[in-house]
Amino acid sequence: MRIFLFFVFPAILWAQTYEITKMGVASKKPSSDVFMKYKPMADYLSRRVYSGLVKGDVKLRIFKSEKELRKAILQKEIYFARLTPQSYIMLKERMPGLGLVAGELLNHQFQNKGILIVQKANFVRNYSHFKSRPFAFGPKTSALLDIVPKSILASKGLNMSDIKPKYLSDTEKIKHFVEVGRVIGGVIPVQALSDDEQDRFRIFSEYSAPGNVWVITKNVFLSTREKIQAELLNTLEPHVSRVLQIDGFVKVKNRDLDEFRSDMRKAMAFHRK
């Protein structure tokens, strides 16, 4: 009996202190490309976070859509995930305990900058001139190129029936459509307009939208949650950031997204006729 307990008890103790953090990301790109992008981060966190008394691993899982990822989080299949700000806001309403770990920095900013452009010599001088004309948005549900622009148009008294929306995933194509007159205007990231293009386009308005966020559920030990946040905010290795194609992470609080919550409501109003 003593020999039996000698072998079983360590196994029980090991099971109690080994933790699997299930990490999820969503992308429509080929799974192999997404895996190569996020696996270094999962491996890095596995090494750094689980180096003390609590042993464990960070396991990466890839989803084809944010909807699938949100469902997996709700069903406790994923504990740590990268989300668009709107997905976080929607999940937070159903999971009050969902924690914000960090926000991604792009061009060293969490608030990404966007611009609404028209042709340089275009007659457009106010928002009413967009009525009954084609207008180019970016990918549907993009915070920067869809949700916030629609909230701006809604605040100016326009809705979906007033314009003819075109959704384009390629920023260069949006600029081309504006330049040749296929659309009256379009929205692009501010960094997508080079100095050489200033004589071809006019910036009609500027705005901002929050970047993507990383969240974590209470299914992960509190000590692990704190370690993951510390690693992202303070000591993430530069090569991991390069692979992720971001400039790092910043601490974000729930209230930092209050303005975007308002933008989401206005964007919903934009779709109402």
C-alpha atoms as a PDB file:
ATOM      1  CA  MET A   1       0.000   0.000   0.000  1.00  0.00           C
ATOM      2  CA  ARG A   2       2.775   2.397   0.865  1.00  0.00           C
ATOM      3  CA  ILE A   3       4.535   1.694  -2.408  1.00  0.00           C
ATOM      4  CA  PHE A   4       1.302   2.304  -4.284  1.00  0.00           C
ATOM      5  CA  LEU A   5       0.801   5.653  -2.547  1.00  0.00           C
ATOM      6  CA  PHE A   6       4.418   6.580  -3.170  1.00  0.00           C
ATOM      7  CA  PHE A   7       3.864   6.397  -6.922  1.00  0.00           C
ATOM      8  CA  VAL A   8       0.313   7.751  -7.100  1.00  0.00           C
ATOM      9  CA  PHE A   9       0.636  10.792  -4.850  1.00  0.00           C
ATOM     10  CA  PRO A  10       3.290  12.567  -6.957  1.00  0.00           C
ATOM     11  CA  ALA A  11       1.114  12.027 -10.031  1.00  0.00           C
ATOM     12  CA  ILE A  12      -1.832  13.677  -8.298  1.00  0.00           C
ATOM     13  CA  LEU A  13       0.350  16.564  -7.174  1.00  0.00           C
ATOM     14  CA  TRP A  14       1.718  17.011 -10.712  1.00  0.00           C
ATOM     15  CA  ALA A  15      -1.800  17.078 -12.171  1.00  0.00           C
ATOM     16  CA  GLN A  16      -2.799  19.805  -9.748  1.00  0.00           C
ATOM     17  CA  THR A  17       0.090  22.079 -10.729  1.00  0.00           C
ATOM     18  CA  TYR A  18       0.230  21.590 -14.501  1.00  0.00           C
ATOM     19  CA  GLU A  19      -1.788  24.170 -16.419  1.00  0.00           C
ATOM     20  CA  ILE A  20      -2.709  24.379 -20.089  1.00  0.00           C
ATOM     21  CA  THR A  21      -3.466  27.913 -21.288  1.00  0.00           C
ATOM     22  CA  LYS A  22      -5.535  27.567 -24.437  1.00  0.00           C
ATOM     23  CA  MET A  23      -4.710  30.484 -26.739  1.00  0.00           C
ATOM     24  CA  GLY A  24      -6.940  31.435 -29.663  1.00  0.00           C
ATOM     25  CA  VAL A  25      -6.623  33.715 -32.688  1.00  0.00           C
ATOM     26  CA  ALA A  26      -8.950  34.280 -35.635  1.00  0.00           C
ATOM     27  CA  SER A  27      -7.897  34.889 -39.229  1.00  0.00           C
ATOM     28  CA  LYS A  28      -9.131  34.150 -42.738  1.00  0.00           C
ATOM     29  CA  LYS A  29      -5.568  33.723 -43.949  1.00  0.00           C
ATOM     30  CA  PRO A  30      -4.130  30.224 -44.536  1.00  0.00           C
ATOM     31  CA  SER A  31      -3.766  28.372 -41.239  1.00  0.00           C
ATOM     32  CA  SER A  32      -0.090  27.680 -41.919  1.00  0.00           C
ATOM     33  CA  ASP A  33       0.626  31.417 -42.198  1.00  0.00           C
ATOM     34  CA  VAL A  34      -1.325  32.182 -39.028  1.00  0.00           C
ATOM     35  CA  PHE A  35       0.460  29.378 -37.181  1.00  0.00           C
ATOM     36  CA  MET A  36       3.872  30.739 -38.164  1.00  0.00           C
ATOM     37  CA  LYS A  37       2.829  34.198 -36.972  1.00  0.00           C
ATOM     38  CA  TYR A  38       1.522  33.292 -33.512  1.00  0.00           C
ATOM     39  CA  LYS A  39       3.373  30.099 -32.559  1.00  0.00           C
ATOM     40  CA  PRO A  40       6.522  32.032 -31.499  1.00  0.00           C
ATOM     41  CA  MET A  41       4.401  34.003 -29.037  1.00  0.00           C
ATOM     42  CA  ALA A  42       2.840  30.831 -27.607  1.00  0.00           C
ATOM     43  CA  ASP A  43       6.274  29.213 -27.257  1.00  0.00           C
ATOM     44  CA  TYR A  44       7.743  32.329 -25.662  1.00  0.00           C
ATOM     45  CA  LEU A  45       4.970  32.534 -23.059  1.00  0.00           C
ATOM     46  CA  SER A  46       5.282  28.812 -22.334  1.00  0.00           C
ATOM     47  CA  ARG A  47       8.963  29.271 -21.511  1.00  0.00           C
ATOM     48  CA  ARG A  48       8.612  32.467 -19.535  1.00  0.00           C
ATOM     49  CA  VAL A  49       5.337  32.005 -17.666  1.00  0.00           C
ATOM     50  CA  TYR A  50       5.713  28.370 -16.664  1.00  0.00           C
ATOM     51  CA  SER A  51       9.227  28.451 -15.277  1.00  0.00           C
ATOM     52  CA  GLY A  52       8.373  28.384 -11.557  1.00  0.00           C
ATOM     53  CA  LEU A  53       6.414  26.060  -9.295  1.00  0.00           C
ATOM     54  CA  VAL A  54       3.436  25.921 -11.640  1.00  0.00           C
ATOM     55  CA  LYS A  55       4.322  24.038 -14.805  1.00  0.00           C
ATOM     56  CA  GLY A  56       2.328  24.247 -17.975  1.00  0.00           C
ATOM     57  CA  ASP A  57       2.092  25.128 -21.625  1.00  0.00           C
ATOM     58  CA  VAL A  58       0.408  27.606 -23.974  1.00  0.00           C
ATOM     59  CA  LYS A  59      -1.426  25.800 -26.766  1.00  0.00           C
ATOM     60  CA  LEU A  60      -2.389  27.692 -29.927  1.00  0.00           C
ATOM     61  CA  ARG A  61      -5.678  27.159 -31.737  1.00  0.00           C
ATOM     62  CA  ILE A  62      -6.686  28.949 -34.942  1.00  0.00           C
ATOM     63  CA  PHE A  63     -10.225  29.954 -35.916  1.00  0.00           C
ATOM     64  CA  LYS A  64     -11.548  31.118 -39.273  1.00  0.00           C
ATOM     65  CA  SER A  65     -13.753  33.851 -37.823  1.00  0.00           C
ATOM     66  CA  GLU A  66     -14.106  36.044 -34.758  1.00  0.00           C
ATOM     67  CA  LYS A  67     -17.591  34.624 -34.270  1.00  0.00           C
ATOM     68  CA  GLU A  68     -16.161  31.117 -33.885  1.00  0.00           C
ATOM     69  CA  LEU A  69     -13.500  32.403 -31.508  1.00  0.00           C
ATOM     70  CA  ARG A  70     -16.044  34.242 -29.347  1.00  0.00           C
ATOM     71  CA  LYS A  71     -18.135  31.078 -29.150  1.00  0.00           C
ATOM     72  CA  ALA A  72     -15.101  29.046 -28.076  1.00  0.00           C
ATOM     73  CA  ILE A  73     -14.333  31.556 -25.316  1.00  0.00           C
ATOM     74  CA  LEU A  74     -17.922  31.444 -24.070  1.00  0.00           C
ATOM     75  CA  GLN A  75     -17.801  27.644 -24.050  1.00  0.00           C
ATOM     76  CA  LYS A  76     -14.526  27.719 -22.071  1.00  0.00           C
ATOM     77  CA  GLU A  77     -12.571  26.111 -24.887  1.00  0.00           C
ATOM     78  CA  ILE A  78     -10.223  29.122 -25.157  1.00  0.00           C
ATOM     79  CA  TYR A  79      -8.800  31.060 -22.202  1.00  0.00           C
ATOM     80  CA  PHE A  80      -6.424  33.576 -23.774  1.00  0.00           C
ATOM     81  CA  ALA A  81      -7.184  35.268 -27.096  1.00  0.00           C
ATOM     82  CA  ARG A  82      -6.564  38.076 -29.546  1.00  0.00           C
ATOM     83  CA  LEU A  83      -9.766  39.968 -30.352  1.00  0.00           C
ATOM     84  CA  THR A  84     -10.934  42.989 -32.267  1.00  0.00           C
ATOM     85  CA  PRO A  85     -12.182  45.707 -29.899  1.00  0.00           C
ATOM     86  CA  GLN A  86     -15.787  45.090 -30.938  1.00  0.00           C
ATOM     87  CA  SER A  87     -15.511  41.365 -30.171  1.00  0.00           C
ATOM     88  CA  TYR A  88     -14.153  42.187 -26.730  1.00  0.00           C
ATOM     89  CA  ILE A  89     -17.025  44.597 -26.049  1.00  0.00           C
ATOM     90  CA  MET A  90     -19.610  42.020 -27.150  1.00  0.00           C
ATOM     91  CA  LEU A  91     -18.026  39.289 -25.029  1.00  0.00           C
ATOM     92  CA  LYS A  92     -17.611  41.536 -22.005  1.00  0.00           C
ATOM     93  CA  GLU A  93     -21.378  42.006 -21.864  1.00  0.00           C
ATOM     94  CA  ARG A  94     -21.808  38.236 -21.521  1.00  0.00           C
ATOM     95  CA  MET A  95     -18.645  37.578 -19.507  1.00  0.00           C
ATOM     96  CA  PRO A  96     -18.169  40.398 -16.973  1.00  0.00           C
ATOM     97  CA  GLY A  97     -15.097  38.620 -15.607  1.00  0.00           C
ATOM     98  CA  LEU A  98     -13.272  38.687 -18.939  1.00  0.00           C
ATOM     99  CA  GLY A  99      -9.971  40.463 -18.386  1.00  0.00           C
ATOM    100  CA  LEU A 100      -8.070  42.842 -20.648  1.00  0.00           C
ATOM    101  CA  VAL A 101      -4.424  41.827 -20.805  1.00  0.00           C
ATOM    102  CA  ALA A 102      -3.053  44.390 -23.259  1.00  0.00           C
ATOM    103  CA  GLY A 103      -3.664  46.309 -26.448  1.00  0.00           C
ATOM    104  CA  GLU A 104      -1.532  45.994 -29.569  1.00  0.00           C
ATOM    105  CA  LEU A 105       0.605  48.934 -30.647  1.00  0.00           C
ATOM    106  CA  LEU A 106       0.691  49.749 -34.343  1.00  0.00           C
ATOM    107  CA  ASN A 107       2.987  52.616 -35.326  1.00  0.00           C
ATOM    108  CA  HIS A 108       3.615  52.850 -31.571  1.00  0.00           C
ATOM    109  CA  GLN A 109      -0.031  53.736 -30.881  1.00  0.00           C
ATOM    110  CA  PHE A 110      -3.043  51.814 -29.615  1.00  0.00           C
ATOM    111  CA  GLN A 111      -5.439  54.267 -31.246  1.00  0.00           C
ATOM    112  CA  ASN A 112      -4.967  53.740 -34.984  1.00  0.00           C
ATOM    113  CA  LYS A 113      -5.390  56.745 -37.255  1.00  0.00           C
ATOM    114  CA  GLY A 114      -7.644  56.754 -40.294  1.00  0.00           C
ATOM    115  CA  ILE A 115      -8.473  59.310 -42.967  1.00  0.00           C
ATOM    116  CA  LEU A 116     -11.398  59.872 -45.309  1.00  0.00           C
ATOM    117  CA  ILE A 117     -10.038  60.816 -48.729  1.00  0.00           C
ATOM    118  CA  VAL A 118     -11.554  62.291 -51.886  1.00  0.00           C
ATOM    119  CA  GLN A 119     -10.056  63.379 -55.197  1.00  0.00           C
ATOM    120  CA  LYS A 120      -7.855  66.456 -54.930  1.00  0.00           C
ATOM    121  CA  ALA A 121     -10.116  68.578 -57.131  1.00  0.00           C
ATOM    122  CA  ASN A 122     -13.361  66.987 -55.994  1.00  0.00           C
ATOM    123  CA  PHE A 123     -16.411  69.182 -55.364  1.00  0.00           C
ATOM    124  CA  VAL A 124     -17.122  67.513 -52.001  1.00  0.00           C
ATOM    125  CA  ARG A 125     -17.192  70.096 -49.228  1.00  0.00           C
ATOM    126  CA  ASN A 126     -19.622  68.603 -46.707  1.00  0.00           C
ATOM    127  CA  TYR A 127     -21.041  65.198 -45.834  1.00  0.00           C
ATOM    128  CA  SER A 128     -24.292  65.768 -47.712  1.00  0.00           C
ATOM    129  CA  HIS A 129     -22.290  65.506 -50.955  1.00  0.00           C
ATOM    130  CA  PHE A 130     -21.777  61.795 -50.278  1.00  0.00           C
ATOM    131  CA  LYS A 131     -25.491  61.107 -50.723  1.00  0.00           C
ATOM    132  CA  SER A 132     -26.498  58.727 -53.504  1.00  0.00           C
ATOM    133  CA  ARG A 133     -22.877  58.081 -54.459  1.00  0.00           C
ATOM    134  CA  PRO A 134     -20.586  55.041 -54.101  1.00  0.00           C
ATOM    135  CA  PHE A 135     -18.322  55.145 -51.050  1.00  0.00           C
ATOM    136  CA  ALA A 136     -15.440  52.768 -50.261  1.00  0.00           C
ATOM    137  CA  PHE A 137     -15.079  51.129 -46.857  1.00  0.00           C
ATOM    138  CA  GLY A 138     -12.476  48.594 -45.833  1.00  0.00           C
ATOM    139  CA  PRO A 139     -13.295  45.045 -44.694  1.00  0.00           C
ATOM    140  CA  LYS A 140     -16.626  44.660 -42.945  1.00  0.00           C
ATOM    141  CA  THR A 141     -16.367  44.883 -39.133  1.00  0.00           C
ATOM    142  CA  SER A 142     -12.957  46.591 -39.296  1.00  0.00           C
ATOM    143  CA  ALA A 143     -12.860  49.073 -36.421  1.00  0.00           C
ATOM    144  CA  LEU A 144     -10.753  51.547 -38.390  1.00  0.00           C
ATOM    145  CA  LEU A 145     -12.160  51.138 -41.894  1.00  0.00           C
ATOM    146  CA  ASP A 146     -15.799  50.224 -41.290  1.00  0.00           C
ATOM    147  CA  ILE A 147     -17.276  50.790 -37.822  1.00  0.00           C
ATOM    148  CA  VAL A 148     -15.862  54.217 -36.945  1.00  0.00           C
ATOM    149  CA  PRO A 149     -16.366  55.683 -40.467  1.00  0.00           C
ATOM    150  CA  LYS A 150     -19.998  54.567 -40.358  1.00  0.00           C
ATOM    151  CA  SER A 151     -20.419  56.130 -36.920  1.00  0.00           C
ATOM    152  CA  ILE A 152     -19.081  59.410 -38.330  1.00  0.00           C
ATOM    153  CA  LEU A 153     -21.481  59.304 -41.276  1.00  0.00           C
ATOM    154  CA  ALA A 154     -24.356  58.475 -38.925  1.00  0.00           C
ATOM    155  CA  SER A 155     -23.481  61.445 -36.709  1.00  0.00           C
ATOM    156  CA  LYS A 156     -23.754  63.636 -39.837  1.00  0.00           C
ATOM    157  CA  GLY A 157     -27.286  62.430 -40.487  1.00  0.00           C
ATOM    158  CA  LEU A 158     -26.502  59.788 -43.120  1.00  0.00           C
ATOM    159  CA  ASN A 159     -27.478  56.124 -43.175  1.00  0.00           C
ATOM    160  CA  MET A 160     -26.953  53.095 -45.381  1.00  0.00           C
ATOM    161  CA  SER A 161     -29.759  54.042 -47.758  1.00  0.00           C
ATOM    162  CA  ASP A 162     -28.100  57.413 -48.444  1.00  0.00           C
ATOM    163  CA  ILE A 163     -24.917  56.016 -49.994  1.00  0.00           C
ATOM    164  CA  LYS A 164     -23.773  53.082 -52.104  1.00  0.00           C
ATOM    165  CA  PRO A 165     -21.181  51.220 -49.990  1.00  0.00           C
ATOM    166  CA  LYS A 166     -18.353  49.235 -51.531  1.00  0.00           C
ATOM    167  CA  TYR A 167     -16.252  46.991 -49.298  1.00  0.00           C
ATOM    168  CA  LEU A 168     -12.643  46.580 -50.384  1.00  0.00           C
ATOM    169  CA  SER A 169      -9.971  44.699 -48.461  1.00  0.00           C
ATOM    170  CA  ASP A 170      -7.082  46.234 -50.408  1.00  0.00           C
ATOM    171  CA  THR A 171      -6.072  49.765 -49.388  1.00  0.00           C
ATOM    172  CA  GLU A 172      -4.398  50.377 -52.750  1.00  0.00           C
ATOM    173  CA  LYS A 173      -7.638  49.476 -54.489  1.00  0.00           C
ATOM    174  CA  ILE A 174      -9.546  51.962 -52.328  1.00  0.00           C
ATOM    175  CA  LYS A 175      -7.145  54.724 -53.371  1.00  0.00           C
ATOM    176  CA  HIS A 176      -7.425  53.685 -57.008  1.00  0.00           C
ATOM    177  CA  PHE A 177     -11.233  53.721 -56.902  1.00  0.00           C
ATOM    178  CA  VAL A 178     -11.186  57.219 -55.401  1.00  0.00           C
ATOM    179  CA  GLU A 179      -8.629  58.510 -57.887  1.00  0.00           C
ATOM    180  CA  VAL A 180     -10.470  57.297 -60.999  1.00  0.00           C
ATOM    181  CA  GLY A 181     -13.870  58.368 -59.684  1.00  0.00           C
ATOM    182  CA  ARG A 182     -15.437  54.962 -59.154  1.00  0.00           C
ATOM    183  CA  VAL A 183     -16.298  56.099 -55.617  1.00  0.00           C
ATOM    184  CA  ILE A 184     -16.856  59.598 -54.255  1.00  0.00           C
ATOM    185  CA  GLY A 185     -14.611  58.911 -51.269  1.00  0.00           C
ATOM    186  CA  GLY A 186     -13.039  56.193 -49.190  1.00  0.00           C
ATOM    187  CA  VAL A 187     -11.315  55.454 -45.899  1.00  0.00           C
ATOM    188  CA  ILE A 188      -7.733  54.259 -45.441  1.00  0.00           C
ATOM    189  CA  PRO A 189      -5.139  54.108 -42.640  1.00  0.00           C
ATOM    190  CA  VAL A 190      -3.275  57.399 -42.421  1.00  0.00           C
ATOM    191  CA  GLN A 191       0.076  55.706 -43.088  1.00  0.00           C
ATOM    192  CA  ALA A 192      -1.273  54.349 -46.397  1.00  0.00           C
ATOM    193  CA  LEU A 193      -1.158  57.822 -47.958  1.00  0.00           C
ATOM    194  CA  SER A 194       2.411  58.670 -48.927  1.00  0.00           C
ATOM    195  CA  ASP A 195       3.836  62.156 -49.385  1.00  0.00           C
ATOM    196  CA  ASP A 196       4.013  61.545 -53.136  1.00  0.00           C
ATOM    197  CA  GLU A 197       0.244  60.999 -53.236  1.00  0.00           C
ATOM    198  CA  GLN A 198      -0.703  64.251 -51.525  1.00  0.00           C
ATOM    199  CA  ASP A 199      -1.229  65.985 -54.888  1.00  0.00           C
ATOM    200  CA  ARG A 200      -3.752  63.330 -55.983  1.00  0.00           C
ATOM    201  CA  PHE A 201      -5.980  63.186 -52.912  1.00  0.00           C
ATOM    202  CA  ARG A 202      -7.519  65.530 -50.399  1.00  0.00           C
ATOM    203  CA  ILE A 203      -7.969  64.499 -46.781  1.00  0.00           C
ATOM    204  CA  PHE A 204     -11.606  65.245 -46.035  1.00  0.00           C
ATOM    205  CA  SER A 205     -11.488  64.210 -42.370  1.00  0.00           C
ATOM    206  CA  GLU A 206      -9.351  62.363 -39.832  1.00  0.00           C
ATOM    207  CA  TYR A 207     -10.387  59.991 -37.060  1.00  0.00           C
ATOM    208  CA  SER A 208      -9.102  57.170 -34.852  1.00  0.00           C
ATOM    209  CA  ALA A 209     -10.106  53.681 -33.752  1.00  0.00           C
ATOM    210  CA  PRO A 210      -8.679  51.315 -31.122  1.00  0.00           C
ATOM    211  CA  GLY A 211      -6.433  48.448 -32.113  1.00  0.00           C
ATOM    212  CA  ASN A 212      -6.766  44.770 -31.310  1.00  0.00           C
ATOM    213  CA  VAL A 213      -6.688  43.553 -27.723  1.00  0.00           C
ATOM    214  CA  TRP A 214      -5.624  40.414 -25.882  1.00  0.00           C
ATOM    215  CA  VAL A 215      -8.003  39.036 -23.276  1.00  0.00           C
ATOM    216  CA  ILE A 216      -7.910  36.296 -20.673  1.00  0.00           C
ATOM    217  CA  THR A 217     -10.568  34.419 -18.713  1.00  0.00           C
ATOM    218  CA  LYS A 218     -10.691  33.345 -15.096  1.00  0.00           C
ATOM    219  CA  ASN A 219     -10.081  29.747 -16.170  1.00  0.00           C
ATOM    220  CA  VAL A 220      -6.389  30.627 -15.922  1.00  0.00           C
ATOM    221  CA  PHE A 221      -4.715  30.882 -12.505  1.00  0.00           C
ATOM    222  CA  LEU A 222      -4.496  34.466 -11.241  1.00  0.00           C
ATOM    223  CA  SER A 223      -0.718  34.173 -10.946  1.00  0.00           C
ATOM    224  CA  THR A 224      -0.529  33.022 -14.571  1.00  0.00           C
ATOM    225  CA  ARG A 225      -2.738  35.882 -15.756  1.00  0.00           C
ATOM    226  CA  GLU A 226      -0.467  38.366 -14.021  1.00  0.00           C
ATOM    227  CA  LYS A 227       2.666  36.771 -15.489  1.00  0.00           C
ATOM    228  CA  ILE A 228       1.262  36.799 -19.026  1.00  0.00           C
ATOM    229  CA  GLN A 229       0.375  40.474 -18.731  1.00  0.00           C
ATOM    230  CA  ALA A 230       3.801  41.308 -17.325  1.00  0.00           C
ATOM    231  CA  GLU A 231       5.534  39.476 -20.168  1.00  0.00           C
ATOM    232  CA  LEU A 232       3.531  41.272 -22.851  1.00  0.00           C
ATOM    233  CA  LEU A 233       3.915  44.712 -21.308  1.00  0.00           C
ATOM    234  CA  ASN A 234       7.492  44.575 -20.102  1.00  0.00           C
ATOM    235  CA  THR A 235       9.743  41.878 -21.459  1.00  0.00           C
ATOM    236  CA  LEU A 236       8.381  40.529 -24.736  1.00  0.00           C
ATOM    237  CA  GLU A 237      11.331  39.640 -26.937  1.00  0.00           C
ATOM    238  CA  PRO A 238      11.708  41.934 -29.996  1.00  0.00           C
ATOM    239  CA  HIS A 239      11.666  39.058 -32.482  1.00  0.00           C
ATOM    240  CA  VAL A 240       8.195  38.040 -31.266  1.00  0.00           C
ATOM    241  CA  SER A 241       6.855  41.550 -31.915  1.00  0.00           C
ATOM    242  CA  ARG A 242       8.416  41.531 -35.377  1.00  0.00           C
ATOM    243  CA  VAL A 243       6.722  38.260 -36.262  1.00  0.00           C
ATOM    244  CA  LEU A 244       3.408  39.636 -34.970  1.00  0.00           C
ATOM    245  CA  GLN A 245       4.001  42.760 -37.110  1.00  0.00           C
ATOM    246  CA  ILE A 246       3.307  45.119 -34.220  1.00  0.00           C
ATOM    247  CA  ASP A 247       5.420  47.509 -32.151  1.00  0.00           C
ATOM    248  CA  GLY A 248       4.573  45.917 -28.818  1.00  0.00           C
ATOM    249  CA  PHE A 249       1.784  46.090 -26.253  1.00  0.00           C
ATOM    250  CA  VAL A 250       0.270  48.675 -23.934  1.00  0.00           C
ATOM    251  CA  LYS A 251      -1.908  48.382 -20.850  1.00  0.00           C
ATOM    252  CA  VAL A 252      -5.551  49.020 -21.686  1.00  0.00           C
ATOM    253  CA  LYS A 253      -8.509  49.456 -19.359  1.00  0.00           C
ATOM    254  CA  ASN A 254     -12.164  48.827 -20.052  1.00  0.00           C
ATOM    255  CA  ARG A 255     -12.972  52.545 -19.915  1.00  0.00           C
ATOM    256  CA  ASP A 256     -10.432  53.211 -22.675  1.00  0.00           C
ATOM    257  CA  LEU A 257     -12.970  51.686 -25.077  1.00  0.00           C
ATOM    258  CA  ASP A 258     -15.961  53.795 -23.977  1.00  0.00           C
ATOM    259  CA  GLU A 259     -15.773  56.072 -27.023  1.00  0.00           C
ATOM    260  CA  PHE A 260     -15.610  53.071 -29.327  1.00  0.00           C
ATOM    261  CA  ARG A 261     -18.699  51.613 -27.626  1.00  0.00           C
ATOM    262  CA  SER A 262     -20.495  54.778 -28.659  1.00  0.00           C
ATOM    263  CA  ASP A 263     -19.109  54.388 -32.191  1.00  0.00           C
ATOM    264  CA  MET A 264     -20.507  50.859 -32.353  1.00  0.00           C
ATOM    265  CA  ARG A 265     -23.975  52.103 -31.427  1.00  0.00           C
ATOM    266  CA  LYS A 266     -23.815  54.842 -34.057  1.00  0.00           C
ATOM    267  CA  ALA A 267     -22.620  52.359 -36.677  1.00  0.00           C
ATOM    268  CA  MET A 268     -25.636  50.182 -35.893  1.00  0.00           C
ATOM    269  CA  ALA A 269     -27.866  53.229 -36.339  1.00  0.00           C
ATOM    270  CA  PHE A 270     -26.199  53.855 -39.711  1.00  0.00           C
ATOM    271  CA  HIS A 271     -27.568  50.523 -40.954  1.00  0.00           C
ATOM    272  CA  ARG A 272     -31.125  51.468 -40.056  1.00  0.00           C
ATOM    273  CA  LYS A 273     -33.101  53.095 -42.839  1.00  0.00           C
END
